[in-house]
Amino acid sequence: MFGNGWYGSDWMVLIMILFWAAVIALIVSIVRGSVSGRERGRKEDSPLEILEKRYVRGEIDKKEFEQKKKDLVD
């Protein structure tokens, strides 16, 4: 009914595969864009916030924290 070879259903199969590949690529592109968009929107920590986190984690002592904080504020 539809014929054989490249004149019949083989073209329809190829078109269907290409269509679904395009749909999947579009979905992947949208997901990757939304994830990278959230990362771009993330705020960077200020130097003082980084210093405070280091102090809280115990990487630096109070004396060093106070000196570095004074250096940052001045």
PDB file of N, CA and C in Angstrom:
ATOM      1  N   MET A   1       0.817  -1.182   0.000  1.00  0.00           N
ATOM      2  CA  MET A   1       0.000   0.000   0.000  1.00  0.00           C
ATOM      3  C   MET A   1       0.872   1.262   0.000  1.00  0.00           C
ATOM      4  N   PHE A   2       1.874   1.337   0.897  1.00  0.00           N
ATOM      5  CA  PHE A   2       2.738   2.502   0.958  1.00  0.00           C
ATOM      6  C   PHE A   2       3.971   2.356   0.079  1.00  0.00           C
ATOM      7  N   GLY A   3       4.218   1.206  -0.419  1.00  0.00           N
ATOM      8  CA  GLY A   3       5.388   0.996  -1.252  1.00  0.00           C
ATOM      9  C   GLY A   3       6.544   0.450  -0.430  1.00  0.00           C
ATOM     10  N   ASN A   4       7.651   0.226  -1.104  1.00  0.00           N
ATOM     11  CA  ASN A   4       8.826  -0.336  -0.452  1.00  0.00           C
ATOM     12  C   ASN A   4      10.006   0.611  -0.592  1.00  0.00           C
ATOM     13  N   GLY A   5      11.036   0.376   0.237  1.00  0.00           N
ATOM     14  CA  GLY A   5      12.265   1.151   0.120  1.00  0.00           C
ATOM     15  C   GLY A   5      12.090   2.575   0.612  1.00  0.00           C
ATOM     16  N   TRP A   6      12.869   3.488   0.012  1.00  0.00           N
ATOM     17  CA  TRP A   6      12.888   4.883   0.461  1.00  0.00           C
ATOM     18  C   TRP A   6      11.636   5.654   0.064  1.00  0.00           C
ATOM     19  N   TYR A   7      10.763   5.039  -0.696  1.00  0.00           N
ATOM     20  CA  TYR A   7       9.553   5.740  -1.126  1.00  0.00           C
ATOM     21  C   TYR A   7       8.382   5.507  -0.196  1.00  0.00           C
ATOM     22  N   GLY A   8       8.550   4.616   0.750  1.00  0.00           N
ATOM     23  CA  GLY A   8       7.401   4.262   1.574  1.00  0.00           C
ATOM     24  C   GLY A   8       7.598   4.585   3.031  1.00  0.00           C
ATOM     25  N   SER A   9       7.362   3.616   3.873  1.00  0.00           N
ATOM     26  CA  SER A   9       7.330   3.809   5.315  1.00  0.00           C
ATOM     27  C   SER A   9       8.712   4.084   5.902  1.00  0.00           C
ATOM     28  N   ASP A  10       9.779   3.775   5.176  1.00  0.00           N
ATOM     29  CA  ASP A  10      11.126   4.060   5.676  1.00  0.00           C
ATOM     30  C   ASP A  10      11.308   5.560   5.912  1.00  0.00           C
ATOM     31  N   TRP A  11      10.772   6.380   5.027  1.00  0.00           N
ATOM     32  CA  TRP A  11      10.853   7.835   5.217  1.00  0.00           C
ATOM     33  C   TRP A  11      10.103   8.257   6.466  1.00  0.00           C
ATOM     34  N   MET A  12       8.966   7.634   6.693  1.00  0.00           N
ATOM     35  CA  MET A  12       8.166   7.991   7.862  1.00  0.00           C
ATOM     36  C   MET A  12       8.902   7.627   9.156  1.00  0.00           C
ATOM     37  N   VAL A  13       9.580   6.493   9.157  1.00  0.00           N
ATOM     38  CA  VAL A  13      10.353   6.079  10.330  1.00  0.00           C
ATOM     39  C   VAL A  13      11.494   7.059  10.570  1.00  0.00           C
ATOM     40  N   LEU A  14      12.197   7.423   9.527  1.00  0.00           N
ATOM     41  CA  LEU A  14      13.297   8.371   9.634  1.00  0.00           C
ATOM     42  C   LEU A  14      12.812   9.729  10.143  1.00  0.00           C
ATOM     43  N   ILE A  15      11.704  10.203   9.614  1.00  0.00           N
ATOM     44  CA  ILE A  15      11.146  11.485  10.055  1.00  0.00           C
ATOM     45  C   ILE A  15      10.716  11.399  11.517  1.00  0.00           C
ATOM     46  N   MET A  16      10.136  10.284  11.921  1.00  0.00           N
ATOM     47  CA  MET A  16       9.711  10.128  13.301  1.00  0.00           C
ATOM     48  C   MET A  16      10.915  10.107  14.241  1.00  0.00           C
ATOM     49  N   ILE A  17      11.988   9.430  13.860  1.00  0.00           N
ATOM     50  CA  ILE A  17      13.203   9.405  14.679  1.00  0.00           C
ATOM     51  C   ILE A  17      13.789  10.814  14.803  1.00  0.00           C
ATOM     52  N   LEU A  18      13.853  11.536  13.700  1.00  0.00           N
ATOM     53  CA  LEU A  18      14.381  12.900  13.732  1.00  0.00           C
ATOM     54  C   LEU A  18      13.498  13.815  14.588  1.00  0.00           C
ATOM     55  N   PHE A  19      12.194  13.645  14.479  1.00  0.00           N
ATOM     56  CA  PHE A  19      11.270  14.452  15.280  1.00  0.00           C
ATOM     57  C   PHE A  19      11.500  14.226  16.766  1.00  0.00           C
ATOM     58  N   TRP A  20      11.565  12.953  17.200  1.00  0.00           N
ATOM     59  CA  TRP A  20      11.749  12.670  18.621  1.00  0.00           C
ATOM     60  C   TRP A  20      13.141  13.069  19.103  1.00  0.00           C
ATOM     61  N   ALA A  21      14.135  12.975  18.245  1.00  0.00           N
ATOM     62  CA  ALA A  21      15.469  13.443  18.618  1.00  0.00           C
ATOM     63  C   ALA A  21      15.452  14.951  18.849  1.00  0.00           C
ATOM     64  N   ALA A  22      14.722  15.677  18.010  1.00  0.00           N
ATOM     65  CA  ALA A  22      14.611  17.133  18.179  1.00  0.00           C
ATOM     66  C   ALA A  22      13.852  17.473  19.462  1.00  0.00           C
ATOM     67  N   VAL A  23      12.803  16.726  19.777  1.00  0.00           N
ATOM     68  CA  VAL A  23      12.035  16.966  21.009  1.00  0.00           C
ATOM     69  C   VAL A  23      12.920  16.724  22.228  1.00  0.00           C
ATOM     70  N   ILE A  24      13.677  15.634  22.220  1.00  0.00           N
ATOM     71  CA  ILE A  24      14.564  15.329  23.343  1.00  0.00           C
ATOM     72  C   ILE A  24      15.650  16.388  23.474  1.00  0.00           C
ATOM     73  N   ALA A  25      16.229  16.818  22.357  1.00  0.00           N
ATOM     74  CA  ALA A  25      17.254  17.866  22.387  1.00  0.00           C
ATOM     75  C   ALA A  25      16.688  19.164  22.941  1.00  0.00           C
ATOM     76  N   LEU A  26      15.466  19.487  22.590  1.00  0.00           N
ATOM     77  CA  LEU A  26      14.823  20.697  23.095  1.00  0.00           C
ATOM     78  C   LEU A  26      14.619  20.615  24.607  1.00  0.00           C
ATOM     79  N   ILE A  27      14.160  19.479  25.086  1.00  0.00           N
ATOM     80  CA  ILE A  27      13.950  19.297  26.525  1.00  0.00           C
ATOM     81  C   ILE A  27      15.273  19.400  27.275  1.00  0.00           C
ATOM     82  N   VAL A  28      16.316  18.749  26.771  1.00  0.00           N
ATOM     83  CA  VAL A  28      17.638  18.815  27.404  1.00  0.00           C
ATOM     84  C   VAL A  28      18.141  20.251  27.427  1.00  0.00           C
ATOM     85  N   SER A  29      17.953  20.968  26.341  1.00  0.00           N
ATOM     86  CA  SER A  29      18.383  22.361  26.260  1.00  0.00           C
ATOM     87  C   SER A  29      17.657  23.233  27.277  1.00  0.00           C
ATOM     88  N   ILE A  30      16.377  23.035  27.437  1.00  0.00           N
ATOM     89  CA  ILE A  30      15.593  23.813  28.399  1.00  0.00           C
ATOM     90  C   ILE A  30      16.050  23.512  29.824  1.00  0.00           C
ATOM     91  N   VAL A  31      16.253  22.240  30.126  1.00  0.00           N
ATOM     92  CA  VAL A  31      16.682  21.853  31.479  1.00  0.00           C
ATOM     93  C   VAL A  31      18.066  22.430  31.777  1.00  0.00           C
ATOM     94  N   ARG A  32      18.994  22.306  30.847  1.00  0.00           N
ATOM     95  CA  ARG A  32      20.340  22.839  31.066  1.00  0.00           C
ATOM     96  C   ARG A  32      20.318  24.355  31.211  1.00  0.00           C
ATOM     97  N   GLY A  33      19.480  25.030  30.458  1.00  0.00           N
ATOM     98  CA  GLY A  33      19.373  26.477  30.553  1.00  0.00           C
ATOM     99  C   GLY A  33      18.829  26.922  31.891  1.00  0.00           C
ATOM    100  N   SER A  34      17.848  26.197  32.403  1.00  0.00           N
ATOM    101  CA  SER A  34      17.277  26.590  33.692  1.00  0.00           C
ATOM    102  C   SER A  34      18.249  26.332  34.831  1.00  0.00           C
ATOM    103  N   VAL A  35      19.025  25.259  34.743  1.00  0.00           N
ATOM    104  CA  VAL A  35      20.008  24.956  35.784  1.00  0.00           C
ATOM    105  C   VAL A  35      21.134  25.986  35.756  1.00  0.00           C
ATOM    106  N   SER A  36      21.669  26.294  34.589  1.00  0.00           N
ATOM    107  CA  SER A  36      22.761  27.268  34.523  1.00  0.00           C
ATOM    108  C   SER A  36      22.258  28.664  34.849  1.00  0.00           C
ATOM    109  N   GLY A  37      21.000  28.955  34.586  1.00  0.00           N
ATOM    110  CA  GLY A  37      20.429  30.245  34.946  1.00  0.00           C
ATOM    111  C   GLY A  37      20.374  30.433  36.445  1.00  0.00           C
ATOM    112  N   ARG A  38      20.067  29.367  37.170  1.00  0.00           N
ATOM    113  CA  ARG A  38      20.052  29.451  38.627  1.00  0.00           C
ATOM    114  C   ARG A  38      21.449  29.660  39.165  1.00  0.00           C
ATOM    115  N   GLU A  39      22.434  29.015  38.557  1.00  0.00           N
ATOM    116  CA  GLU A  39      23.813  29.182  39.007  1.00  0.00           C
ATOM    117  C   GLU A  39      24.300  30.592  38.744  1.00  0.00           C
ATOM    118  N   ARG A  40      23.908  31.168  37.615  1.00  0.00           N
ATOM    119  CA  ARG A  40      24.315  32.540  37.303  1.00  0.00           C
ATOM    120  C   ARG A  40      23.671  33.526  38.261  1.00  0.00           C
ATOM    121  N   GLY A  41      22.468  33.239  38.722  1.00  0.00           N
ATOM    122  CA  GLY A  41      21.765  34.143  39.608  1.00  0.00           C
ATOM    123  C   GLY A  41      22.237  34.078  41.050  1.00  0.00           C
ATOM    124  N   ARG A  42      23.085  33.107  41.345  1.00  0.00           N
ATOM    125  CA  ARG A  42      23.561  32.950  42.708  1.00  0.00           C
ATOM    126  C   ARG A  42      24.525  34.064  43.074  1.00  0.00           C
ATOM    127  N   LYS A  43      24.341  34.623  44.233  1.00  0.00           N
ATOM    128  CA  LYS A  43      25.153  35.733  44.705  1.00  0.00           C
ATOM    129  C   LYS A  43      26.486  35.209  45.237  1.00  0.00           C
ATOM    130  N   GLU A  44      27.540  35.918  44.916  1.00  0.00           N
ATOM    131  CA  GLU A  44      28.867  35.582  45.436  1.00  0.00           C
ATOM    132  C   GLU A  44      28.979  36.093  46.873  1.00  0.00           C
ATOM    133  N   ASP A  45      29.725  35.348  47.691  1.00  0.00           N
ATOM    134  CA  ASP A  45      29.958  35.784  49.061  1.00  0.00           C
ATOM    135  C   ASP A  45      30.918  36.965  49.082  1.00  0.00           C
ATOM    136  N   SER A  46      30.654  37.899  49.976  1.00  0.00           N
ATOM    137  CA  SER A  46      31.561  39.028  50.141  1.00  0.00           C
ATOM    138  C   SER A  46      32.802  38.547  50.898  1.00  0.00           C
ATOM    139  N   PRO A  47      33.901  39.278  50.814  1.00  0.00           N
ATOM    140  CA  PRO A  47      35.101  38.878  51.558  1.00  0.00           C
ATOM    141  C   PRO A  47      34.845  38.724  53.056  1.00  0.00           C
ATOM    142  N   LEU A  48      34.010  39.595  53.617  1.00  0.00           N
ATOM    143  CA  LEU A  48      33.708  39.497  55.044  1.00  0.00           C
ATOM    144  C   LEU A  48      32.926  38.221  55.354  1.00  0.00           C
ATOM    145  N   GLU A  49      31.998  37.846  54.488  1.00  0.00           N
ATOM    146  CA  GLU A  49      31.239  36.608  54.694  1.00  0.00           C
ATOM    147  C   GLU A  49      32.153  35.387  54.609  1.00  0.00           C
ATOM    148  N   ILE A  50      33.089  35.418  53.683  1.00  0.00           N
ATOM    149  CA  ILE A  50      34.052  34.319  53.558  1.00  0.00           C
ATOM    150  C   ILE A  50      34.886  34.225  54.826  1.00  0.00           C
ATOM    151  N   LEU A  51      35.339  35.372  55.328  1.00  0.00           N
ATOM    152  CA  LEU A  51      36.129  35.409  56.555  1.00  0.00           C
ATOM    153  C   LEU A  51      35.334  34.858  57.732  1.00  0.00           C
ATOM    154  N   GLU A  52      34.073  35.251  57.842  1.00  0.00           N
ATOM    155  CA  GLU A  52      33.227  34.754  58.928  1.00  0.00           C
ATOM    156  C   GLU A  52      33.038  33.241  58.838  1.00  0.00           C
ATOM    157  N   LYS A  53      32.852  32.739  57.635  1.00  0.00           N
ATOM    158  CA  LYS A  53      32.700  31.283  57.464  1.00  0.00           C
ATOM    159  C   LYS A  53      33.970  30.554  57.864  1.00  0.00           C
ATOM    160  N   ARG A  54      35.122  31.097  57.511  1.00  0.00           N
ATOM    161  CA  ARG A  54      36.395  30.479  57.902  1.00  0.00           C
ATOM    162  C   ARG A  54      36.545  30.449  59.415  1.00  0.00           C
ATOM    163  N   TYR A  55      36.130  31.524  60.081  1.00  0.00           N
ATOM    164  CA  TYR A  55      36.208  31.592  61.542  1.00  0.00           C
ATOM    165  C   TYR A  55      35.272  30.556  62.171  1.00  0.00           C
ATOM    166  N   VAL A  56      34.064  30.465  61.653  1.00  0.00           N
ATOM    167  CA  VAL A  56      33.082  29.508  62.179  1.00  0.00           C
ATOM    168  C   VAL A  56      33.579  28.076  62.004  1.00  0.00           C
ATOM    169  N   ARG A  57      34.204  27.788  60.871  1.00  0.00           N
ATOM    170  CA  ARG A  57      34.717  26.432  60.620  1.00  0.00           C
ATOM    171  C   ARG A  57      35.976  26.128  61.424  1.00  0.00           C
ATOM    172  N   GLY A  58      36.547  27.146  62.070  1.00  0.00           N
ATOM    173  CA  GLY A  58      37.738  26.924  62.888  1.00  0.00           C
ATOM    174  C   GLY A  58      39.034  26.980  62.106  1.00  0.00           C
ATOM    175  N   GLU A  59      38.991  27.490  60.897  1.00  0.00           N
ATOM    176  CA  GLU A  59      40.200  27.584  60.083  1.00  0.00           C
ATOM    177  C   GLU A  59      41.143  28.674  60.594  1.00  0.00           C
ATOM    178  N   ILE A  60      40.572  29.702  61.216  1.00  0.00           N
ATOM    179  CA  ILE A  60      41.370  30.784  61.785  1.00  0.00           C
ATOM    180  C   ILE A  60      40.900  31.038  63.211  1.00  0.00           C
ATOM    181  N   ASP A  61      41.788  31.571  64.044  1.00  0.00           N
ATOM    182  CA  ASP A  61      41.403  31.861  65.422  1.00  0.00           C
ATOM    183  C   ASP A  61      40.837  33.280  65.532  1.00  0.00           C
ATOM    184  N   LYS A  62      40.390  33.630  66.751  1.00  0.00           N
ATOM    185  CA  LYS A  62      39.730  34.918  66.959  1.00  0.00           C
ATOM    186  C   LYS A  62      40.667  36.091  66.666  1.00  0.00           C
ATOM    187  N   LYS A  63      41.906  35.968  67.094  1.00  0.00           N
ATOM    188  CA  LYS A  63      42.867  37.051  66.879  1.00  0.00           C
ATOM    189  C   LYS A  63      43.069  37.306  65.383  1.00  0.00           C
ATOM    190  N   GLU A  64      43.267  36.237  64.622  1.00  0.00           N
ATOM    191  CA  GLU A  64      43.458  36.375  63.175  1.00  0.00           C
ATOM    192  C   GLU A  64      42.186  36.904  62.507  1.00  0.00           C
ATOM    193  N   PHE A  65      41.019  36.429  62.981  1.00  0.00           N
ATOM    194  CA  PHE A  65      39.748  36.910  62.447  1.00  0.00           C
ATOM    195  C   PHE A  65      39.600  38.413  62.655  1.00  0.00           C
ATOM    196  N   GLU A  66      39.859  38.870  63.872  1.00  0.00           N
ATOM    197  CA  GLU A  66      39.722  40.298  64.175  1.00  0.00           C
ATOM    198  C   GLU A  66      40.685  41.138  63.339  1.00  0.00           C
ATOM    199  N   GLN A  67      41.936  40.666  63.161  1.00  0.00           N
ATOM    200  CA  GLN A  67      42.914  41.415  62.374  1.00  0.00           C
ATOM    201  C   GLN A  67      42.485  41.502  60.908  1.00  0.00           C
ATOM    202  N   LYS A  68      42.066  40.382  60.353  1.00  0.00           N
ATOM    203  CA  LYS A  68      41.647  40.380  58.941  1.00  0.00           C
ATOM    204  C   LYS A  68      40.372  41.200  58.747  1.00  0.00           C
ATOM    205  N   LYS A  69      39.464  41.134  59.725  1.00  0.00           N
ATOM    206  CA  LYS A  69      38.243  41.927  59.642  1.00  0.00           C
ATOM    207  C   LYS A  69      38.589  43.419  59.660  1.00  0.00           C
ATOM    208  N   LYS A  70      39.524  43.783  60.539  1.00  0.00           N
ATOM    209  CA  LYS A  70      39.960  45.184  60.599  1.00  0.00           C
ATOM    210  C   LYS A  70      40.580  45.613  59.269  1.00  0.00           C
ATOM    211  N   ASP A  71      41.396  44.724  58.671  1.00  0.00           N
ATOM    212  CA  ASP A  71      42.009  45.027  57.373  1.00  0.00           C
ATOM    213  C   ASP A  71      40.961  45.222  56.282  1.00  0.00           C
ATOM    214  N   LEU A  72      39.918  44.426  56.328  1.00  0.00           N
ATOM    215  CA  LEU A  72      38.860  44.528  55.308  1.00  0.00           C
ATOM    216  C   LEU A  72      38.044  45.808  55.469  1.00  0.00           C
ATOM    217  N   VAL A  73      37.751  46.166  56.691  1.00  0.00           N
ATOM    218  CA  VAL A  73      36.909  47.328  56.944  1.00  0.00           C
ATOM    219  C   VAL A  73      37.658  48.610  56.638  1.00  0.00           C
ATOM    220  N   ASP A  74      38.951  48.641  56.943  1.00  0.00           N
ATOM    221  CA  ASP A  74      39.752  49.860  56.701  1.00  0.00           C
ATOM    222  C   ASP A  74      39.953  50.156  55.261  1.00  0.00           C
TER     223      ASP A  74
END
